[in-house]
């Protein structure tokens, strides 16, 4: 561990404790209101990183991370004036490991920008893992639909069943608290038709049998009278 703090009120040791203990409130309090978080991983390469804008959206992301069955360990950290960096190792109960390196830009002791790069263990070719949506790890009911999630080796596979009339901005936004969905999705539509509108006003339609990558900052809704069944694959970390 190295600490070369110069003129910053950012408490890197308290930040480390919050990361390892899963203290979401303490972590979120370290971010400025207009902070942003940029993530590069095997789903979102440097040319198209996931970017989360604003402390409220960052809080949603952090809460989602800590809802997963992971042990968090900060391996090393350093601060220098208005910059800090740390490496983190996250471990699943089966031993699968995710490692990340984060750079923090600071202003008046708050994080204004976080840039994170993540890498996963590769699955052994002899390791076959099977999940069952009907006995899913998580099931959530919401207005006009429900979801079932299976966790398999660092991936969340989410089966969404959405009834006619469902729309993200009407049925999930009140609970999420952001104007648009700020998650990144890799979707396979099994049944029905969906439509997406991104923050720049572009709309795309997805039909059964098609796949789609949907970046953060979008609305989504069911088209027509057929129930939608969609598989959404995302990475833990």
Protein backbone atom coordinates (compact mmCIF):
# COMPACT_ATOMS: atom_id res chain seq x y z
CA UNK A 1 0.00 0.00 0.00
CA UNK A 2 1.20 3.48 -0.86
CA UNK A 3 -0.29 6.79 0.25
CA UNK A 4 1.17 10.03 -1.08
CA UNK A 5 -1.81 12.30 -0.40
CA UNK A 6 -1.11 15.95 -1.05
CA UNK A 7 -3.73 18.53 -0.13
CA UNK A 8 -6.84 16.34 -0.57
CA UNK A 9 -9.48 15.54 2.00
CA UNK A 10 -10.35 12.23 0.36
CA UNK A 11 -10.03 9.47 3.00
CA UNK A 12 -8.81 6.50 0.96
CA UNK A 13 -8.62 4.23 4.01
CA UNK A 14 -12.29 4.87 4.85
CA UNK A 15 -13.12 4.25 1.19
CA UNK A 16 -11.26 0.92 1.31
CA UNK A 17 -13.22 -0.17 4.38
CA UNK A 18 -16.50 0.75 2.71
CA UNK A 19 -15.60 -1.30 -0.39
CA UNK A 20 -14.69 -4.40 1.62
CA UNK A 21 -17.61 -4.12 4.07
CA UNK A 22 -20.20 -3.34 1.40
CA UNK A 23 -21.17 -0.04 3.06
CA UNK A 24 -23.18 1.36 0.14
CA UNK A 25 -24.15 4.56 1.91
CA UNK A 26 -20.52 5.37 2.73
CA UNK A 27 -19.39 4.61 -0.82
CA UNK A 28 -22.09 6.73 -2.44
CA UNK A 29 -21.35 9.65 -0.12
CA UNK A 30 -17.83 9.85 -1.63
CA UNK A 31 -19.21 10.81 -5.06
CA UNK A 32 -20.08 14.32 -6.19
CA UNK A 33 -23.68 14.92 -7.28
CA UNK A 34 -22.66 15.17 -10.95
CA UNK A 35 -20.02 12.41 -10.86
CA UNK A 36 -19.75 9.83 -13.61
CA UNK A 37 -18.46 6.26 -13.69
CA UNK A 38 -16.92 4.65 -16.78
CA UNK A 39 -16.42 0.88 -17.02
CA UNK A 40 -14.52 -1.20 -19.58
CA UNK A 41 -14.91 -4.98 -19.51
CA UNK A 42 -15.41 -7.92 -21.87
CA UNK A 43 -18.91 -6.72 -22.78
CA UNK A 44 -18.13 -3.02 -23.17
CA UNK A 45 -14.74 -2.40 -24.85
CA UNK A 46 -12.80 0.90 -24.71
CA UNK A 47 -14.60 2.18 -27.82
CA UNK A 48 -18.00 1.70 -26.16
CA UNK A 49 -17.65 1.76 -22.36
CA UNK A 50 -20.55 1.75 -19.96
CA UNK A 51 -20.98 5.28 -18.59
CA UNK A 52 -23.19 6.04 -15.60
CA UNK A 53 -24.03 9.69 -14.97
CA UNK A 54 -24.92 11.21 -11.60
CA UNK A 55 -24.66 10.06 -8.01
CA UNK A 56 -28.20 8.62 -7.92
CA UNK A 57 -27.51 6.35 -10.91
CA UNK A 58 -24.14 5.38 -9.44
CA UNK A 59 -25.91 4.42 -6.22
CA UNK A 60 -28.27 2.13 -8.17
CA UNK A 61 -25.25 0.45 -9.79
CA UNK A 62 -23.38 0.02 -6.49
CA UNK A 63 -26.44 -1.46 -4.78
CA UNK A 64 -26.82 -3.95 -7.63
CA UNK A 65 -23.17 -5.01 -7.30
CA UNK A 66 -23.46 -5.58 -3.55
CA UNK A 67 -26.67 -7.58 -3.96
CA UNK A 68 -24.51 -10.32 -5.54
CA UNK A 69 -22.83 -13.11 -3.59
CA UNK A 70 -19.26 -11.76 -3.73
CA UNK A 71 -16.37 -11.20 -1.36
CA UNK A 72 -14.68 -7.84 -2.00
CA UNK A 73 -11.01 -7.23 -1.20
CA UNK A 74 -8.95 -4.11 -1.93
CA UNK A 75 -5.47 -5.32 -2.79
CA UNK A 76 -3.65 -2.00 -3.04
CA UNK A 77 -4.39 1.72 -3.19
CA UNK A 78 -2.64 5.04 -3.65
CA UNK A 79 -3.62 8.72 -3.51
CA UNK A 80 -1.77 11.69 -4.94
CA UNK A 81 -3.37 15.12 -4.78
CA UNK A 82 -6.58 15.09 -6.79
CA UNK A 83 -6.16 11.51 -7.99
CA UNK A 84 -6.46 8.07 -6.40
CA UNK A 85 -6.29 4.49 -7.64
CA UNK A 86 -7.03 1.06 -6.22
CA UNK A 87 -7.18 -2.59 -7.27
CA UNK A 88 -10.02 -4.82 -6.13
CA UNK A 89 -10.56 -8.57 -6.18
CA UNK A 90 -14.08 -10.02 -6.06
CA UNK A 91 -14.53 -13.74 -5.44
CA UNK A 92 -17.59 -15.94 -5.88
CA UNK A 93 -18.35 -18.87 -3.57
CA UNK A 94 -17.15 -21.28 -6.29
CA UNK A 95 -13.78 -19.50 -6.50
CA UNK A 96 -14.38 -17.58 -9.75
CA UNK A 97 -12.51 -14.28 -9.49
CA UNK A 98 -13.05 -10.82 -10.95
CA UNK A 99 -10.25 -8.25 -10.70
CA UNK A 100 -10.62 -4.54 -11.36
CA UNK A 101 -8.41 -1.48 -11.46
CA UNK A 102 -10.00 1.92 -10.81
CA UNK A 103 -8.72 5.46 -11.28
CA UNK A 104 -10.46 8.24 -9.35
CA UNK A 105 -10.46 11.94 -10.21
CA UNK A 106 -11.11 14.04 -7.11
CA UNK A 107 -12.31 17.55 -6.41
CA UNK A 108 -12.65 18.96 -2.89
CA UNK A 109 -12.39 15.45 -1.48
CA UNK A 110 -15.16 13.99 -3.67
CA UNK A 111 -15.00 11.61 -6.61
CA UNK A 112 -15.98 13.39 -9.82
CA UNK A 113 -14.97 10.62 -12.22
CA UNK A 114 -14.20 6.92 -11.84
CA UNK A 115 -12.65 4.89 -14.66
CA UNK A 116 -12.66 1.13 -14.09
CA UNK A 117 -11.27 -1.82 -16.06
CA UNK A 118 -12.45 -5.33 -15.12
CA UNK A 119 -11.29 -8.84 -16.03
CA UNK A 120 -12.74 -12.27 -15.25
CA UNK A 121 -11.32 -15.74 -14.78
CA UNK A 122 -11.93 -17.86 -17.84
CA UNK A 123 -14.21 -20.82 -17.25
CA UNK A 124 -12.58 -24.23 -17.39
CA UNK A 125 -13.67 -26.06 -20.57
CA UNK A 126 -14.44 -29.07 -18.35
CA UNK A 127 -16.73 -27.07 -16.11
CA UNK A 128 -20.38 -27.39 -17.14
CA UNK A 129 -22.84 -25.32 -15.16
CA UNK A 130 -26.58 -25.67 -15.45
CA UNK A 131 -29.25 -23.29 -14.19
CA UNK A 132 -33.04 -23.55 -14.01
CA UNK A 133 -35.26 -20.48 -14.32
CA UNK A 134 -38.13 -22.36 -12.65
CA UNK A 135 -35.91 -22.68 -9.55
CA UNK A 136 -34.16 -19.36 -10.06
CA UNK A 137 -31.83 -17.69 -7.59
CA UNK A 138 -33.98 -14.56 -7.68
CA UNK A 139 -37.55 -13.81 -8.75
CA UNK A 140 -39.04 -10.33 -8.82
CA UNK A 141 -42.66 -9.39 -9.50
CA UNK A 142 -43.51 -5.95 -10.86
CA UNK A 143 -46.43 -4.26 -12.55
CA UNK A 144 -47.14 -5.94 -15.91
CA UNK A 145 -44.36 -8.50 -15.56
CA UNK A 146 -41.80 -10.49 -13.62
CA UNK A 147 -38.18 -11.58 -13.88
CA UNK A 148 -36.17 -14.66 -12.90
CA UNK A 149 -32.39 -14.56 -12.55
CA UNK A 150 -29.89 -17.40 -12.68
CA UNK A 151 -26.23 -16.78 -11.71
CA UNK A 152 -23.74 -18.92 -13.63
CA UNK A 153 -19.99 -18.40 -13.33
CA UNK A 154 -19.86 -14.63 -13.30
CA UNK A 155 -22.90 -14.10 -15.50
CA UNK A 156 -26.42 -13.07 -14.61
CA UNK A 157 -28.97 -14.57 -17.00
CA UNK A 158 -32.27 -12.79 -16.53
CA UNK A 159 -35.52 -14.05 -18.06
CA UNK A 160 -38.04 -11.22 -18.30
CA UNK A 161 -41.72 -11.88 -18.96
CA UNK A 162 -43.44 -8.61 -19.95
CA UNK A 163 -47.16 -8.30 -20.53
CA UNK A 164 -48.79 -6.18 -23.25
CA UNK A 165 -48.80 -2.54 -22.17
CA UNK A 166 -45.57 -2.80 -20.17
CA UNK A 167 -43.21 0.15 -20.50
CA UNK A 168 -40.01 0.74 -18.50
CA UNK A 169 -40.71 4.46 -17.94
CA UNK A 170 -44.18 3.70 -16.57
CA UNK A 171 -43.72 0.49 -14.60
CA UNK A 172 -40.09 0.48 -13.41
CA UNK A 173 -38.93 4.11 -13.39
CA UNK A 174 -40.82 4.98 -10.17
CA UNK A 175 -38.90 2.26 -8.30
CA UNK A 176 -35.53 2.80 -10.01
CA UNK A 177 -35.58 6.60 -9.69
CA UNK A 178 -33.81 7.51 -12.95
CA UNK A 179 -35.44 9.07 -16.02
CA UNK A 180 -34.08 6.30 -18.27
CA UNK A 181 -32.76 2.78 -17.71
CA UNK A 182 -29.03 3.16 -17.04
CA UNK A 183 -28.09 -0.52 -17.39
CA UNK A 184 -26.38 -2.12 -20.37
CA UNK A 185 -28.21 -5.10 -21.87
CA UNK A 186 -27.31 -7.98 -24.18
CA UNK A 187 -30.72 -9.30 -25.16
CA UNK A 188 -32.18 -12.31 -26.95
CA UNK A 189 -35.89 -11.94 -27.67
CA UNK A 190 -37.63 -15.30 -27.41
CA UNK A 191 -41.22 -14.17 -27.92
CA UNK A 192 -43.08 -11.02 -28.91
CA UNK A 193 -41.88 -7.60 -30.06
CA UNK A 194 -40.10 -4.81 -28.14
CA UNK A 195 -39.09 -1.29 -29.00
CA UNK A 196 -36.27 0.83 -27.54
CA UNK A 197 -35.64 4.57 -27.58
CA UNK A 198 -32.20 5.86 -26.57
CA UNK A 199 -31.48 9.23 -24.98
CA UNK A 200 -30.64 10.73 -28.39
CA UNK A 201 -34.14 9.88 -29.68
CA UNK A 202 -33.18 6.91 -31.87
CA UNK A 203 -35.74 4.05 -31.86
CA UNK A 204 -35.12 0.40 -32.76
CA UNK A 205 -37.50 -2.57 -32.82
CA UNK A 206 -36.57 -6.09 -31.72
CA UNK A 207 -38.54 -9.14 -32.85
CA UNK A 208 -38.55 -12.75 -31.68
CA UNK A 209 -35.36 -14.55 -32.70
CA UNK A 210 -33.28 -11.36 -32.82
CA UNK A 211 -30.51 -10.25 -30.47
CA UNK A 212 -29.57 -6.72 -29.43
CA UNK A 213 -26.99 -4.72 -27.50
CA UNK A 214 -28.69 -1.83 -25.70
CA UNK A 215 -26.46 0.86 -24.11
CA UNK A 216 -27.38 2.72 -20.92
CA UNK A 217 -29.81 5.62 -21.25
CA UNK A 218 -32.94 4.16 -22.86
CA UNK A 219 -36.65 3.49 -22.52
CA UNK A 220 -38.25 0.18 -23.60
CA UNK A 221 -41.77 -1.10 -24.14
CA UNK A 222 -43.83 -4.04 -25.40
CA UNK A 223 -45.27 -3.66 -28.89
CA UNK A 224 -48.64 -5.26 -29.70
CA UNK A 225 -50.79 -7.75 -27.82
CA UNK A 226 -48.29 -10.59 -27.41
CA UNK A 227 -46.45 -11.18 -24.13
CA UNK A 228 -42.70 -10.64 -24.46
CA UNK A 229 -40.17 -13.17 -23.17
CA UNK A 230 -36.59 -11.90 -23.31
CA UNK A 231 -33.25 -13.22 -22.04
CA UNK A 232 -30.90 -10.53 -20.74
CA UNK A 233 -27.30 -11.54 -20.12
CA UNK A 234 -25.03 -9.36 -17.99
CA UNK A 235 -21.75 -9.72 -16.12
CA UNK A 236 -21.30 -9.59 -12.36
CA UNK A 237 -18.62 -7.39 -10.98
